[in-house]
Every structure is written in structure tokens, then in C-alpha cells.
Protein backbone atom coordinates (compact mmCIF):
# COMPACT_ATOMS: atom_id res chain seq x y z
CA MET A 1 113.55 112.32 81.09
CA GLU A 2 110.48 112.65 78.89
CA LYS A 3 109.59 108.98 79.24
CA SER A 4 110.14 109.17 82.99
CA PHE A 5 107.91 112.23 83.21
CA ARG A 6 105.12 110.46 81.33
CA SER A 7 105.40 107.42 83.59
CA TYR A 8 105.14 109.60 86.71
CA TYR A 9 102.18 111.47 85.26
CA ARG A 10 100.34 108.23 84.50
CA GLY A 11 101.39 106.72 87.81
CA CYS A 12 100.04 109.65 89.82
CA PHE A 13 96.69 108.94 88.22
CA SER A 14 96.61 105.16 88.71
CA THR A 15 98.74 104.56 91.83
CA PRO A 16 99.46 107.97 93.38
CA ARG A 17 100.83 106.88 96.76
CA SER A 18 103.53 104.56 95.43
CA THR A 19 104.29 107.00 92.63
CA PHE A 20 104.74 109.89 95.07
CA LYS A 21 107.13 107.74 97.11
CA LYS A 22 109.22 106.96 94.03
CA LEU A 23 109.07 110.61 92.99
CA ALA A 24 110.47 111.68 96.37
CA GLU A 25 113.62 109.66 95.68
CA ASP A 26 114.13 110.96 92.15
CA PRO A 27 116.82 113.68 91.89
CA ALA A 28 114.88 115.24 88.98
CA LYS A 29 111.64 115.51 90.95
CA LEU A 30 111.54 119.32 91.07
CA ARG A 31 112.19 119.68 87.37
CA MET A 32 109.48 117.15 86.52
CA SER A 33 106.96 118.64 88.94
CA PHE A 34 107.65 122.05 87.41
CA MET A 35 106.81 120.53 84.03
CA ALA A 36 103.57 119.13 85.45
CA VAL A 37 102.47 122.53 86.75
CA LEU A 38 103.62 124.13 83.50
CA ILE A 39 101.19 121.93 81.56
CA THR A 40 98.30 123.28 83.61
CA ALA A 41 99.58 126.85 83.44
CA ILE A 42 99.81 126.70 79.65
CA LEU A 43 96.37 125.10 79.41
CA TYR A 44 94.72 127.88 81.40
CA THR A 45 96.72 130.63 79.73
CA PHE A 46 95.17 129.48 76.46
CA VAL A 47 91.75 129.39 78.14
CA TYR A 48 92.08 133.07 79.02
CA ILE A 49 93.41 133.91 75.55
CA PHE A 50 90.34 132.23 74.06
CA LEU A 51 88.09 134.12 76.49
CA ILE A 52 89.58 137.40 75.24
CA PHE A 53 88.76 136.54 71.61
CA GLY A 54 85.36 135.18 72.61
CA GLY A 55 84.37 138.34 74.46
CA GLY A 56 84.00 136.63 77.82
CA GLN A 57 83.55 138.57 81.05
CA PRO A 58 84.09 137.42 84.65
CA PHE A 59 81.50 137.86 87.38
CA LYS A 60 82.49 140.38 90.05
CA PRO A 61 86.30 140.05 90.02
CA TRP A 62 88.09 140.83 93.26
CA LEU A 63 90.74 142.92 91.54
CA ASP A 64 89.79 146.47 90.61
CA ILE A 65 89.90 145.93 86.84
CA PRO A 66 87.00 146.74 84.46
CA LEU A 67 84.96 143.68 83.45
CA GLU A 68 85.31 144.28 79.71
CA SER A 69 89.12 144.25 79.86
CA TYR A 70 89.69 141.89 82.80
CA TYR A 71 90.83 138.89 80.78
CA ARG A 72 93.37 141.00 78.91
CA TYR A 73 95.15 141.45 82.24
CA ASN A 74 94.16 138.09 83.68
CA VAL A 75 96.03 136.21 80.97
CA PHE A 76 99.28 137.48 82.52
CA PHE A 77 98.20 136.60 86.09
CA CYS A 78 97.33 132.97 85.42
CA ALA A 79 100.70 131.19 85.30
CA PRO A 80 102.44 133.25 88.04
CA SER A 81 99.52 132.85 90.46
CA MET A 82 99.42 129.11 89.78
CA PHE A 83 103.13 128.64 90.46
CA LEU A 84 103.11 130.89 93.54
CA GLY A 85 100.01 129.15 94.92
CA TRP A 86 101.72 125.79 94.41
CA VAL A 87 104.81 126.87 96.39
CA LEU A 88 102.75 128.60 99.10
CA SER A 89 100.51 125.59 99.74
CA ALA A 90 103.45 123.16 99.90
CA ALA A 91 105.47 125.46 102.20
CA VAL A 92 102.69 125.92 104.77
CA VAL A 93 101.69 122.25 104.74
CA HIS A 94 105.35 121.29 105.18
CA LEU A 95 105.59 123.41 108.33
CA PHE A 96 102.52 121.76 109.85
CA ALA A 97 103.57 118.27 108.77
CA ARG A 98 106.90 118.60 110.57
CA THR A 99 105.41 119.79 113.88
CA ASP A 100 105.62 116.26 115.28
CA ASN A 101 109.21 115.79 114.10
CA GLY A 102 108.14 113.48 111.30
CA THR A 103 110.32 112.58 108.35
CA GLY A 104 109.96 114.01 104.86
CA ASN A 105 111.21 117.15 103.16
CA PHE A 106 109.78 120.20 101.43
CA GLU A 107 111.11 119.34 97.96
CA SER A 108 109.34 115.98 97.96
CA LEU A 109 106.04 117.55 99.04
CA LEU A 110 106.42 120.29 96.44
CA ALA A 111 106.93 117.63 93.78
CA SER A 112 103.88 115.61 94.82
CA PHE A 113 101.72 118.74 95.03
CA GLY A 114 102.91 119.79 91.56
CA PHE A 115 101.78 116.55 89.98
CA GLY A 116 98.66 116.47 92.16
CA LEU A 117 97.41 119.92 91.15
CA SER A 118 98.16 119.24 87.49
CA LEU A 119 96.13 116.04 87.44
CA ALA A 120 93.30 117.45 89.55
CA SER A 121 92.98 120.49 87.29
CA TRP A 122 91.94 118.29 84.37
CA THR A 123 88.54 117.78 86.03
CA THR A 124 87.63 121.31 84.93
CA GLY A 125 90.45 122.14 82.53
CA LEU A 126 89.19 120.09 79.59
CA HIS A 127 85.74 121.69 79.79
CA ASP A 128 87.17 125.19 80.15
CA PHE A 129 89.55 124.72 77.23
CA ILE A 130 86.90 123.33 74.86
CA THR A 131 84.16 125.84 75.66
CA SER A 132 86.48 128.86 75.60
CA PHE A 133 87.94 127.64 72.29
CA LEU A 134 84.44 127.34 70.81
CA GLY A 135 83.70 130.82 72.12
CA ALA A 136 86.84 132.21 70.50
CA LEU A 137 85.69 130.73 67.16
CA HIS A 138 82.20 132.14 67.82
CA VAL A 139 80.69 128.67 67.48
CA ILE A 140 78.98 129.47 70.77
CA SER A 141 78.28 132.80 72.43
CA GLN A 142 80.74 133.00 75.31
CA ARG A 143 78.67 135.50 77.28
CA ASP A 144 75.44 133.54 76.84
CA TYR A 145 77.21 130.39 77.96
CA GLU A 146 78.63 132.15 81.02
CA LEU A 147 75.12 133.32 81.89
CA ALA A 148 73.83 129.76 81.51
CA LEU A 149 76.50 128.56 83.94
CA ASN A 150 75.16 130.96 86.54
CA ALA A 151 71.44 130.22 85.98
CA PRO A 152 69.32 127.15 86.90
CA THR A 153 70.22 125.20 83.75
CA ILE A 154 71.69 121.79 82.94
CA TRP A 155 74.97 123.56 82.24
CA ARG A 156 75.18 124.85 85.79
CA THR A 157 74.44 121.35 87.10
CA LEU A 158 77.25 119.93 85.00
CA LEU A 159 79.54 122.72 86.19
CA TRP A 160 78.84 121.87 89.83
CA ILE A 161 79.57 118.20 89.14
CA GLN A 162 82.92 119.22 87.70
CA MET A 163 83.65 121.48 90.64
CA LEU A 164 82.90 118.68 93.11
CA ALA A 165 85.20 116.37 91.14
CA TYR A 166 87.84 119.14 91.22
CA LEU A 167 87.53 119.46 95.00
CA PHE A 168 87.68 115.71 95.58
CA ALA A 169 90.65 115.21 93.22
CA PHE A 170 92.69 117.97 94.85
CA VAL A 171 92.05 116.86 98.43
CA TYR A 172 92.58 113.20 97.51
CA LEU A 173 95.89 113.74 95.70
CA PHE A 174 97.22 116.31 98.18
CA SER A 175 96.33 114.06 101.12
CA ILE A 176 98.03 111.05 99.56
CA GLY A 177 101.03 113.23 98.78
CA VAL A 178 101.32 114.27 102.43
CA LYS A 179 101.02 110.69 103.64
CA ALA A 180 103.56 109.41 101.14
CA VAL A 181 106.13 112.10 101.99
CA TYR A 182 105.73 112.37 105.78
CA GLY A 183 104.14 109.07 106.78
CA CYS A 184 101.36 110.82 108.72
CA GLY A 185 98.18 109.06 109.78
CA TRP A 186 95.19 109.39 107.48
CA GLU A 187 93.42 111.93 109.67
CA LYS A 188 96.35 114.34 109.68
CA SER A 189 97.08 113.68 106.02
CA ILE A 190 93.52 114.55 105.00
CA LEU A 191 93.48 117.68 107.17
CA LEU A 192 96.75 118.86 105.66
CA GLY A 193 95.54 117.93 102.19
CA CYS A 194 92.47 120.11 102.74
CA LEU A 195 94.69 122.92 104.02
CA GLY A 196 96.93 122.65 100.97
CA PHE A 197 93.94 122.83 98.64
CA LEU A 198 92.44 125.86 100.42
CA LEU A 199 95.76 127.72 100.30
CA TYR A 200 96.37 126.97 96.64
CA GLN A 201 92.82 127.63 95.50
CA GLY A 202 92.39 130.73 97.66
CA PHE A 203 95.56 132.31 96.31
CA PHE A 204 94.69 131.37 92.73
CA LEU A 205 91.16 132.79 92.98
CA ILE A 206 92.42 136.20 94.08
CA PHE A 207 93.82 136.74 90.58
CA ASN A 208 91.61 134.47 88.46
CA ARG A 209 87.84 134.87 88.52
């Protein structure tokens, strides 16, 4: 299974459409997609652990939790909100995709979205992991770096580039996943891919700022 998982993970990066089609026929697709999401959940759980040790603070969180202790609670929100957002986005997109009596099933879409969100999250995940780790070791000042990300600096420019890559990767992979599973036209696939991204990201942001 491990070799198969690695081949799917690589395939979703190089040839996502054909890989999603093969994934839909694999009886272990839900287990492997769970593993894909788990990779991202573990990655970001460590990011928030490092932010705690580095003294990081979020900017205006939506939840009514004090700034200085937010990450101590947030570390427990990360993985559940990621998994719930994954299921929510796939469930809603599945309902819309089947409105024209197309083929395809929820489990296959859930699997493709799982691999899609895991791969797309690397566009920001590597940066977040490295900088939070350096902050935890006090190689950099986490709070000063967070301020630089929200000021007109080169670091904010680089952050926006990453965020644009994050947006493109999610919409691209989700759209291809929809097309591979349901056989929709490109216009509908892209619209549903955008919807899936907004649902996942909106739910995730409620708990993670």
C-alpha cells in the first residue's frame, strides 16, 4: 500500500487527471486519501506547535480567544477543521455535480479532493513549516517576521506569490478532480472546483488565523 500511495501522490502532481481516474477505481482510495490529508494535518499541527514556542500571535482571530494564547488552542483545531473542511467541500460539490444526472460518486470525489488539497497545501506549507521552526528555535523573531509579512516588504510580496500559487493549485486540482470523477465540461468543472476551494478554505479559516 505504501508504494501505491507514493505513486498516487507523485501522479497527482505530474498527471492529475489520469491519476484521479485510476484512484476512483482503487478500493483503497479512501484510506489513501485520508493518509494524504493526514500528511498536511500533521505538517500544520507542527507549524502551530512551533508558533507556540516561537511566541507567535495571529492577527484579529475570528474566534473569541486572547491573542497571546490563541495558538495554544489553535493547535487542537487544525487537524479536525482540515478533515471536516475536506468532507464538507466534497459533499457540497458532489450534490451540484450530480444535478444533471452525471456519473461519478462521492467517495471518488472525496479521494481526489484529499490528494488535491494535500498537494496544493505544499505551496505555503513548506514556507510556514520552515519559518515557524526557525521562530521556535529563536533563530528569527516570530513576531517581527509576522509584522514584516503584513507590511510593505519583500516578505509580504513573497507571501502573496505563495498565496496566489496556493489558490491556483487548489482550483486547478479540484477542477481536474471534478472532471475526472463526473466527466463534466471544463466550465462546470472549474466552477465546482472554485466552489470546493471556497468551502474548504472558508471553513478552515474560521478556526485557523
